[in-house]
Amino acid sequence: MNAPVRVFVGLGSNLEDPARQVALALAELDRIEHTHVLRSSRLYRTPPWGDTAQPAFVNAVAELQTQLPAERLFAHLQRLEAAAGRRRERRWGPRVLDLDLLLYGDRVLDEPAMRIPHPHLHERAFVLVPLAELAPALEVPGHGRVDALLAAVDAGGIEAVG
């Protein structure tokens, strides 16, 4: 078994009772083998990003500890999305559940199926706001500290809901 790794996962939903979807996903994350949710941010209502013609999202970030390799954890996240009813029909479109592997320790990975850190993490306020709640001094490989990244983006329209 691998040594424990500190991991951050972004959670989001804007369909079928989004706050409930995020809460259910948090519970499911804690059921992944050799993985434990250490803590999670509050829930935030956030405006849509990319494709803006859709309902607002509920977003959060969870800090996990896992002994799974990144690829296996990523596969679990995709299975949880599918089980919740996620369909990838429209890029940046509405979704029942979105789970993004944001950071896996200090690992940097650039493969077609998986990129770590998440390729848009540094430019998305809906990720940086809840991530900064948990780990403002965390270094995002290749980009800098979370608090500095957050200061550089527009976080307008984001409000805590839980």
N, C-alpha and C. Protein backbone atom coordinates (compact mmCIF):
# COMPACT_ATOMS: atom_id res chain seq x y z
N MET A 1 0.85 -1.19 0.00
CA MET A 1 0.00 0.00 0.00
C MET A 1 0.89 1.25 0.00
N ASN A 2 0.46 2.28 -0.70
CA ASN A 2 1.20 3.54 -0.79
C ASN A 2 1.13 4.31 0.52
N ALA A 3 2.09 5.20 0.71
CA ALA A 3 2.04 6.11 1.86
C ALA A 3 0.85 7.06 1.68
N PRO A 4 0.25 7.52 2.79
CA PRO A 4 -0.89 8.44 2.68
C PRO A 4 -0.50 9.74 1.97
N VAL A 5 -1.41 10.22 1.13
CA VAL A 5 -1.21 11.45 0.37
C VAL A 5 -2.37 12.40 0.67
N ARG A 6 -2.07 13.67 0.82
CA ARG A 6 -3.08 14.71 1.01
C ARG A 6 -3.60 15.14 -0.36
N VAL A 7 -4.92 15.07 -0.51
CA VAL A 7 -5.57 15.29 -1.80
C VAL A 7 -6.70 16.31 -1.62
N PHE A 8 -6.94 17.11 -2.64
CA PHE A 8 -8.08 18.03 -2.63
C PHE A 8 -8.96 17.73 -3.82
N VAL A 9 -10.26 17.63 -3.55
CA VAL A 9 -11.25 17.33 -4.57
C VAL A 9 -12.28 18.46 -4.60
N GLY A 10 -12.56 18.96 -5.79
CA GLY A 10 -13.63 19.95 -5.96
C GLY A 10 -14.93 19.24 -6.24
N LEU A 11 -16.01 19.73 -5.63
CA LEU A 11 -17.34 19.17 -5.81
C LEU A 11 -18.26 20.26 -6.32
N GLY A 12 -19.13 19.91 -7.26
CA GLY A 12 -20.08 20.88 -7.77
C GLY A 12 -21.33 20.22 -8.32
N SER A 13 -22.41 20.98 -8.29
CA SER A 13 -23.68 20.51 -8.84
C SER A 13 -24.57 21.72 -9.11
N ASN A 14 -25.39 21.62 -10.17
CA ASN A 14 -26.41 22.64 -10.38
C ASN A 14 -27.74 22.03 -10.85
N LEU A 15 -27.90 20.75 -10.62
CA LEU A 15 -29.14 20.05 -10.98
C LEU A 15 -29.60 19.15 -9.82
N GLU A 16 -30.91 18.92 -9.77
CA GLU A 16 -31.48 17.93 -8.84
C GLU A 16 -31.06 18.15 -7.39
N ASP A 17 -31.37 19.33 -6.86
CA ASP A 17 -31.05 19.69 -5.48
C ASP A 17 -29.55 19.69 -5.25
N PRO A 18 -28.85 20.70 -5.81
CA PRO A 18 -27.39 20.73 -5.78
C PRO A 18 -26.75 20.57 -4.40
N ALA A 19 -27.29 21.22 -3.38
CA ALA A 19 -26.68 21.10 -2.04
C ALA A 19 -26.75 19.65 -1.56
N ARG A 20 -27.84 18.99 -1.83
CA ARG A 20 -27.99 17.58 -1.46
C ARG A 20 -27.01 16.71 -2.24
N GLN A 21 -26.85 16.98 -3.53
CA GLN A 21 -25.91 16.20 -4.36
C GLN A 21 -24.49 16.31 -3.82
N VAL A 22 -24.09 17.53 -3.43
CA VAL A 22 -22.73 17.73 -2.90
C VAL A 22 -22.59 17.01 -1.56
N ALA A 23 -23.60 17.10 -0.70
CA ALA A 23 -23.54 16.43 0.60
C ALA A 23 -23.46 14.91 0.43
N LEU A 24 -24.24 14.36 -0.49
CA LEU A 24 -24.19 12.92 -0.74
C LEU A 24 -22.81 12.51 -1.27
N ALA A 25 -22.25 13.33 -2.15
CA ALA A 25 -20.94 13.03 -2.72
C ALA A 25 -19.86 13.05 -1.64
N LEU A 26 -19.94 13.99 -0.71
CA LEU A 26 -18.97 14.04 0.40
C LEU A 26 -19.00 12.74 1.19
N ALA A 27 -20.20 12.25 1.46
CA ALA A 27 -20.33 10.98 2.20
C ALA A 27 -19.75 9.83 1.38
N GLU A 28 -19.97 9.84 0.08
CA GLU A 28 -19.45 8.77 -0.78
C GLU A 28 -17.92 8.82 -0.87
N LEU A 29 -17.35 10.02 -0.86
CA LEU A 29 -15.89 10.13 -0.90
C LEU A 29 -15.26 9.42 0.29
N ASP A 30 -15.92 9.51 1.43
CA ASP A 30 -15.39 8.89 2.65
C ASP A 30 -15.52 7.36 2.61
N ARG A 31 -16.28 6.85 1.66
CA ARG A 31 -16.45 5.39 1.54
C ARG A 31 -15.48 4.77 0.54
N ILE A 32 -14.69 5.59 -0.14
CA ILE A 32 -13.72 5.05 -1.09
C ILE A 32 -12.64 4.31 -0.30
N GLU A 33 -12.26 3.14 -0.80
CA GLU A 33 -11.25 2.32 -0.11
C GLU A 33 -9.97 3.11 0.15
N HIS A 34 -9.40 2.91 1.32
CA HIS A 34 -8.11 3.50 1.70
C HIS A 34 -8.11 5.03 1.58
N THR A 35 -9.28 5.65 1.75
CA THR A 35 -9.43 7.09 1.59
C THR A 35 -10.34 7.62 2.68
N HIS A 36 -9.98 8.77 3.24
CA HIS A 36 -10.80 9.38 4.28
C HIS A 36 -10.93 10.87 4.03
N VAL A 37 -12.13 11.40 4.21
CA VAL A 37 -12.34 12.84 4.15
C VAL A 37 -11.84 13.42 5.47
N LEU A 38 -10.86 14.30 5.39
CA LEU A 38 -10.33 14.94 6.60
C LEU A 38 -11.20 16.12 7.00
N ARG A 39 -11.62 16.91 6.01
CA ARG A 39 -12.51 18.05 6.26
C ARG A 39 -13.00 18.57 4.93
N SER A 40 -14.04 19.39 5.01
CA SER A 40 -14.58 19.98 3.78
C SER A 40 -14.93 21.44 4.05
N SER A 41 -14.95 22.20 2.99
CA SER A 41 -15.32 23.62 3.08
C SER A 41 -16.82 23.75 3.28
N ARG A 42 -17.24 24.96 3.51
CA ARG A 42 -18.67 25.26 3.46
C ARG A 42 -19.14 25.10 2.02
N LEU A 43 -20.43 25.10 1.82
CA LEU A 43 -20.99 25.10 0.47
C LEU A 43 -21.08 26.55 0.00
N TYR A 44 -20.83 26.74 -1.29
CA TYR A 44 -20.89 28.08 -1.88
C TYR A 44 -21.80 28.06 -3.10
N ARG A 45 -22.67 29.06 -3.21
CA ARG A 45 -23.45 29.26 -4.42
C ARG A 45 -22.57 30.09 -5.35
N THR A 46 -22.39 29.59 -6.57
CA THR A 46 -21.47 30.23 -7.50
C THR A 46 -22.12 30.40 -8.87
N PRO A 47 -21.79 31.48 -9.55
CA PRO A 47 -22.31 31.64 -10.91
C PRO A 47 -21.67 30.61 -11.84
N PRO A 48 -22.38 30.20 -12.89
CA PRO A 48 -21.79 29.25 -13.84
C PRO A 48 -20.56 29.84 -14.52
N TRP A 49 -19.65 28.96 -14.90
CA TRP A 49 -18.39 29.34 -15.53
C TRP A 49 -18.34 28.70 -16.90
N GLY A 50 -17.82 29.40 -17.88
CA GLY A 50 -17.75 28.84 -19.23
C GLY A 50 -19.07 29.03 -19.94
N ASP A 51 -19.96 28.07 -19.83
CA ASP A 51 -21.30 28.13 -20.40
C ASP A 51 -22.20 28.77 -19.34
N THR A 52 -22.52 30.05 -19.50
CA THR A 52 -23.23 30.78 -18.44
C THR A 52 -24.76 30.69 -18.53
N ALA A 53 -25.29 30.05 -19.56
CA ALA A 53 -26.74 29.93 -19.73
C ALA A 53 -27.24 28.68 -19.02
N GLN A 54 -27.13 28.69 -17.68
CA GLN A 54 -27.56 27.56 -16.87
C GLN A 54 -27.71 28.02 -15.42
N PRO A 55 -28.31 27.19 -14.57
CA PRO A 55 -28.50 27.59 -13.16
C PRO A 55 -27.17 27.75 -12.41
N ALA A 56 -27.22 28.49 -11.32
CA ALA A 56 -26.06 28.64 -10.43
C ALA A 56 -25.66 27.27 -9.89
N PHE A 57 -24.41 27.16 -9.50
CA PHE A 57 -23.88 25.93 -8.94
C PHE A 57 -23.78 26.02 -7.42
N VAL A 58 -23.70 24.87 -6.79
CA VAL A 58 -23.25 24.75 -5.41
C VAL A 58 -21.90 24.05 -5.50
N ASN A 59 -20.87 24.68 -4.91
CA ASN A 59 -19.52 24.14 -4.95
C ASN A 59 -18.94 24.00 -3.55
N ALA A 60 -18.00 23.10 -3.42
CA ALA A 60 -17.25 22.90 -2.18
C ALA A 60 -15.92 22.24 -2.54
N VAL A 61 -15.03 22.17 -1.57
CA VAL A 61 -13.78 21.44 -1.72
C VAL A 61 -13.62 20.54 -0.51
N ALA A 62 -13.16 19.31 -0.76
CA ALA A 62 -12.89 18.36 0.32
C ALA A 62 -11.40 18.07 0.35
N GLU A 63 -10.87 17.98 1.56
CA GLU A 63 -9.49 17.55 1.78
C GLU A 63 -9.54 16.09 2.18
N LEU A 64 -8.84 15.25 1.44
CA LEU A 64 -8.83 13.82 1.69
C LEU A 64 -7.42 13.36 2.02
N GLN A 65 -7.36 12.21 2.62
CA GLN A 65 -6.11 11.49 2.75
C GLN A 65 -6.36 10.14 2.10
N THR A 66 -5.48 9.76 1.19
CA THR A 66 -5.66 8.49 0.49
C THR A 66 -4.35 7.75 0.35
N GLN A 67 -4.47 6.46 0.25
CA GLN A 67 -3.32 5.61 -0.07
C GLN A 67 -3.44 5.07 -1.49
N LEU A 68 -4.49 5.48 -2.19
CA LEU A 68 -4.67 5.03 -3.57
C LEU A 68 -3.79 5.83 -4.52
N PRO A 69 -3.31 5.20 -5.58
CA PRO A 69 -2.63 5.96 -6.63
C PRO A 69 -3.61 6.96 -7.25
N ALA A 70 -3.11 8.04 -7.78
CA ALA A 70 -3.96 9.09 -8.35
C ALA A 70 -4.92 8.54 -9.40
N GLU A 71 -4.44 7.66 -10.23
CA GLU A 71 -5.26 7.11 -11.31
C GLU A 71 -6.44 6.31 -10.76
N ARG A 72 -6.22 5.59 -9.69
CA ARG A 72 -7.31 4.80 -9.09
C ARG A 72 -8.33 5.70 -8.40
N LEU A 73 -7.84 6.71 -7.70
CA LEU A 73 -8.74 7.66 -7.06
C LEU A 73 -9.58 8.38 -8.11
N PHE A 74 -8.95 8.80 -9.20
CA PHE A 74 -9.64 9.47 -10.29
C PHE A 74 -10.75 8.58 -10.86
N ALA A 75 -10.47 7.30 -11.03
CA ALA A 75 -11.47 6.35 -11.52
C ALA A 75 -12.66 6.27 -10.56
N HIS A 76 -12.39 6.28 -9.25
CA HIS A 76 -13.49 6.28 -8.26
C HIS A 76 -14.33 7.54 -8.40
N LEU A 77 -13.69 8.69 -8.59
CA LEU A 77 -14.44 9.94 -8.75
C LEU A 77 -15.35 9.88 -9.97
N GLN A 78 -14.85 9.35 -11.05
CA GLN A 78 -15.67 9.24 -12.26
C GLN A 78 -16.84 8.27 -12.07
N ARG A 79 -16.61 7.20 -11.33
CA ARG A 79 -17.71 6.27 -11.04
C ARG A 79 -18.79 6.93 -10.18
N LEU A 80 -18.37 7.73 -9.20
CA LEU A 80 -19.35 8.44 -8.36
C LEU A 80 -20.17 9.43 -9.19
N GLU A 81 -19.52 10.13 -10.11
CA GLU A 81 -20.25 11.04 -11.00
C GLU A 81 -21.30 10.27 -11.81
N ALA A 82 -20.88 9.17 -12.41
CA ALA A 82 -21.79 8.37 -13.24
C ALA A 82 -22.95 7.83 -12.41
N ALA A 83 -22.67 7.38 -11.20
CA ALA A 83 -23.72 6.84 -10.33
C ALA A 83 -24.74 7.92 -9.95
N ALA A 84 -24.29 9.16 -9.88
CA ALA A 84 -25.19 10.28 -9.55
C ALA A 84 -26.01 10.72 -10.77
N GLY A 85 -25.67 10.20 -11.95
CA GLY A 85 -26.41 10.55 -13.15
C GLY A 85 -25.71 11.56 -14.04
N ARG A 86 -24.43 11.77 -13.86
CA ARG A 86 -23.69 12.73 -14.68
C ARG A 86 -23.64 12.25 -16.12
N ARG A 87 -23.97 13.17 -17.03
CA ARG A 87 -23.84 12.91 -18.47
C ARG A 87 -22.99 14.03 -19.05
N ARG A 88 -22.01 13.67 -19.83
CA ARG A 88 -21.09 14.66 -20.42
C ARG A 88 -21.57 15.01 -21.82
N GLU A 89 -22.66 15.79 -21.87
CA GLU A 89 -23.27 16.13 -23.15
C GLU A 89 -22.82 17.50 -23.65
N ARG A 90 -22.48 18.40 -22.76
CA ARG A 90 -22.17 19.77 -23.13
C ARG A 90 -20.98 20.24 -22.32
N ARG A 91 -19.93 20.72 -22.97
CA ARG A 91 -18.76 21.20 -22.24
C ARG A 91 -19.17 22.34 -21.33
N TRP A 92 -18.78 22.23 -20.06
CA TRP A 92 -19.09 23.22 -19.02
C TRP A 92 -20.60 23.40 -18.84
N GLY A 93 -21.37 22.40 -19.22
CA GLY A 93 -22.82 22.49 -19.10
C GLY A 93 -23.31 22.08 -17.72
N PRO A 94 -24.64 22.07 -17.56
CA PRO A 94 -25.22 21.68 -16.28
C PRO A 94 -24.87 20.24 -15.94
N ARG A 95 -24.81 19.97 -14.63
CA ARG A 95 -24.46 18.62 -14.21
C ARG A 95 -25.04 18.31 -12.84
N VAL A 96 -25.41 17.05 -12.68
CA VAL A 96 -25.89 16.58 -11.39
C VAL A 96 -24.73 16.57 -10.40
N LEU A 97 -23.56 16.12 -10.86
CA LEU A 97 -22.40 16.06 -9.97
C LEU A 97 -21.12 16.19 -10.78
N ASP A 98 -20.23 17.01 -10.29
CA ASP A 98 -18.91 17.17 -10.89
C ASP A 98 -17.89 16.99 -9.77
N LEU A 99 -16.98 16.06 -9.94
CA LEU A 99 -15.91 15.82 -8.97
C LEU A 99 -14.58 15.98 -9.70
N ASP A 100 -13.79 16.96 -9.27
CA ASP A 100 -12.50 17.23 -9.89
C ASP A 100 -11.37 16.94 -8.92
N LEU A 101 -10.42 16.14 -9.37
CA LEU A 101 -9.21 15.91 -8.61
C LEU A 101 -8.33 17.14 -8.82
N LEU A 102 -8.32 18.02 -7.82
CA LEU A 102 -7.62 19.29 -7.94
C LEU A 102 -6.13 19.14 -7.71
N LEU A 103 -5.78 18.49 -6.61
CA LEU A 103 -4.38 18.32 -6.21
C LEU A 103 -4.20 16.94 -5.60
N TYR A 104 -3.08 16.32 -5.91
CA TYR A 104 -2.73 15.02 -5.35
C TYR A 104 -1.32 15.18 -4.79
N GLY A 105 -1.23 15.55 -3.49
CA GLY A 105 0.06 15.88 -2.91
C GLY A 105 0.69 17.00 -3.72
N ASP A 106 1.98 16.87 -4.01
CA ASP A 106 2.64 17.87 -4.85
C ASP A 106 2.92 17.32 -6.24
N ARG A 107 2.19 16.27 -6.59
CA ARG A 107 2.39 15.60 -7.88
C ARG A 107 1.94 16.48 -9.04
N VAL A 108 2.70 16.44 -10.12
CA VAL A 108 2.35 17.10 -11.38
C VAL A 108 2.23 16.00 -12.42
N LEU A 109 1.09 15.95 -13.09
CA LEU A 109 0.83 14.92 -14.08
C LEU A 109 0.13 15.56 -15.27
N ASP A 110 0.60 15.32 -16.47
CA ASP A 110 -0.01 15.88 -17.67
C ASP A 110 -0.19 14.77 -18.69
N GLU A 111 -1.34 14.08 -18.57
CA GLU A 111 -1.68 13.00 -19.48
C GLU A 111 -3.04 13.31 -20.08
N PRO A 112 -3.35 12.74 -21.24
CA PRO A 112 -4.64 13.06 -21.87
C PRO A 112 -5.85 12.83 -20.97
N ALA A 113 -5.84 11.77 -20.18
CA ALA A 113 -7.00 11.43 -19.35
C ALA A 113 -7.02 12.15 -18.00
N MET A 114 -5.86 12.65 -17.55
CA MET A 114 -5.81 13.25 -16.21
C MET A 114 -4.66 14.24 -16.11
N ARG A 115 -5.00 15.44 -15.63
CA ARG A 115 -3.97 16.46 -15.41
C ARG A 115 -4.04 16.91 -13.96
N ILE A 116 -2.88 16.91 -13.29
CA ILE A 116 -2.78 17.34 -11.90
C ILE A 116 -1.59 18.30 -11.81
N PRO A 117 -1.76 19.48 -11.20
CA PRO A 117 -3.01 20.01 -10.67
C PRO A 117 -4.05 20.20 -11.78
N HIS A 118 -5.30 20.29 -11.37
CA HIS A 118 -6.37 20.50 -12.34
C HIS A 118 -6.01 21.70 -13.21
N PRO A 119 -6.14 21.58 -14.53
CA PRO A 119 -5.62 22.62 -15.42
C PRO A 119 -6.25 24.01 -15.28
N HIS A 120 -7.44 24.11 -14.73
CA HIS A 120 -8.08 25.43 -14.59
C HIS A 120 -8.18 25.88 -13.14
N LEU A 121 -7.65 25.11 -12.21
CA LEU A 121 -7.75 25.42 -10.78
C LEU A 121 -7.36 26.87 -10.49
N HIS A 122 -6.26 27.33 -11.04
CA HIS A 122 -5.70 28.65 -10.72
C HIS A 122 -6.52 29.82 -11.24
N GLU A 123 -7.51 29.55 -12.11
CA GLU A 123 -8.29 30.65 -12.68
C GLU A 123 -9.78 30.58 -12.33
N ARG A 124 -10.17 29.66 -11.49
CA ARG A 124 -11.58 29.47 -11.17
C ARG A 124 -11.87 29.85 -9.71
N ALA A 125 -12.53 30.97 -9.54
CA ALA A 125 -12.87 31.43 -8.20
C ALA A 125 -13.75 30.43 -7.47
N PHE A 126 -14.63 29.72 -8.19
CA PHE A 126 -15.52 28.77 -7.53
C PHE A 126 -14.76 27.59 -6.92
N VAL A 127 -13.53 27.39 -7.32
CA VAL A 127 -12.66 26.38 -6.70
C VAL A 127 -11.77 27.05 -5.65
N LEU A 128 -11.22 28.20 -5.99
CA LEU A 128 -10.26 28.86 -5.10
C LEU A 128 -10.88 29.35 -3.80
N VAL A 129 -12.13 29.82 -3.83
CA VAL A 129 -12.76 30.31 -2.60
C VAL A 129 -12.88 29.19 -1.57
N PRO A 130 -13.48 28.03 -1.90
CA PRO A 130 -13.54 26.96 -0.89
C PRO A 130 -12.17 26.35 -0.57
N LEU A 131 -11.28 26.30 -1.55
CA LEU A 131 -9.94 25.78 -1.30
C LEU A 131 -9.18 26.68 -0.32
N ALA A 132 -9.34 27.99 -0.49
CA ALA A 132 -8.68 28.95 0.41
C ALA A 132 -9.23 28.85 1.82
N GLU A 133 -10.49 28.47 1.96
CA GLU A 133 -11.06 28.27 3.30
C GLU A 133 -10.31 27.15 4.02
N LEU A 134 -9.91 26.11 3.29
CA LEU A 134 -9.23 24.96 3.90
C LEU A 134 -7.72 25.13 3.98
N ALA A 135 -7.12 25.71 2.95
CA ALA A 135 -5.66 25.71 2.87
C ALA A 135 -5.14 26.94 2.12
N PRO A 136 -5.24 28.13 2.71
CA PRO A 136 -4.84 29.34 1.99
C PRO A 136 -3.36 29.38 1.63
N ALA A 137 -2.51 28.77 2.42
CA ALA A 137 -1.06 28.82 2.16
C ALA A 137 -0.58 27.67 1.29
N LEU A 138 -1.47 26.81 0.86
CA LEU A 138 -1.10 25.66 0.04
C LEU A 138 -0.50 26.12 -1.28
N GLU A 139 0.60 25.48 -1.68
CA GLU A 139 1.25 25.76 -2.96
C GLU A 139 0.62 24.89 -4.05
N VAL A 140 0.17 25.54 -5.11
CA VAL A 140 -0.31 24.82 -6.28
C VAL A 140 0.87 24.72 -7.24
N PRO A 141 1.38 23.52 -7.48
CA PRO A 141 2.57 23.38 -8.31
C PRO A 141 2.45 24.13 -9.64
N GLY A 142 3.44 24.97 -9.90
CA GLY A 142 3.48 25.74 -11.14
C GLY A 142 2.69 27.02 -11.14
N HIS A 143 1.96 27.31 -10.04
CA HIS A 143 1.09 28.49 -10.02
C HIS A 143 1.25 29.37 -8.80
N GLY A 144 1.61 28.84 -7.65
CA GLY A 144 1.78 29.64 -6.45
C GLY A 144 0.79 29.29 -5.36
N ARG A 145 0.75 30.15 -4.35
CA ARG A 145 -0.12 29.91 -3.18
C ARG A 145 -1.59 30.16 -3.52
N VAL A 146 -2.44 29.38 -2.86
CA VAL A 146 -3.88 29.48 -3.08
C VAL A 146 -4.38 30.89 -2.78
N ASP A 147 -3.95 31.50 -1.66
CA ASP A 147 -4.45 32.83 -1.32
C ASP A 147 -4.06 33.88 -2.37
N ALA A 148 -2.87 33.76 -2.95
CA ALA A 148 -2.44 34.69 -4.00
C ALA A 148 -3.22 34.45 -5.29
N LEU A 149 -3.48 33.20 -5.60
CA LEU A 149 -4.27 32.89 -6.79
C LEU A 149 -5.68 33.44 -6.65
N LEU A 150 -6.27 33.30 -5.46
CA LEU A 150 -7.61 33.82 -5.21
C LEU A 150 -7.64 35.34 -5.35
N ALA A 151 -6.62 36.01 -4.85
CA ALA A 151 -6.57 37.47 -4.94
C ALA A 151 -6.51 37.95 -6.39
N ALA A 152 -6.09 37.10 -7.30
CA ALA A 152 -5.93 37.49 -8.69
C ALA A 152 -7.16 37.22 -9.56
N VAL A 153 -8.22 36.63 -9.00
CA VAL A 153 -9.42 36.33 -9.79
C VAL A 153 -10.62 37.10 -9.24
N ASP A 154 -11.65 37.21 -10.03
CA ASP A 154 -12.90 37.85 -9.62
C ASP A 154 -13.77 36.85 -8.90
N ALA A 155 -13.97 37.02 -7.60
CA ALA A 155 -14.82 36.11 -6.83
C ALA A 155 -16.22 36.70 -6.61
N GLY A 156 -16.57 37.70 -7.38
CA GLY A 156 -17.89 38.31 -7.26
C GLY A 156 -19.00 37.32 -7.57
N GLY A 157 -20.06 37.41 -6.83
CA GLY A 157 -21.21 36.53 -7.04
C GLY A 157 -21.14 35.22 -6.29
N ILE A 158 -20.03 34.97 -5.59
CA ILE A 158 -19.90 33.74 -4.81
C ILE A 158 -20.32 34.01 -3.38
N GLU A 159 -21.23 33.19 -2.86
CA GLU A 159 -21.70 33.39 -1.49
C GLU A 159 -21.82 32.04 -0.76
N ALA A 160 -21.45 32.05 0.50
CA ALA A 160 -21.55 30.85 1.33
C ALA A 160 -23.02 30.54 1.56
N VAL A 161 -23.37 29.25 1.44
CA VAL A 161 -24.75 28.82 1.68
C VAL A 161 -24.82 27.74 2.74
N GLY A 162 -23.72 27.30 3.25
CA GLY A 162 -23.74 26.23 4.25
C GLY A 162 -22.50 26.19 5.04
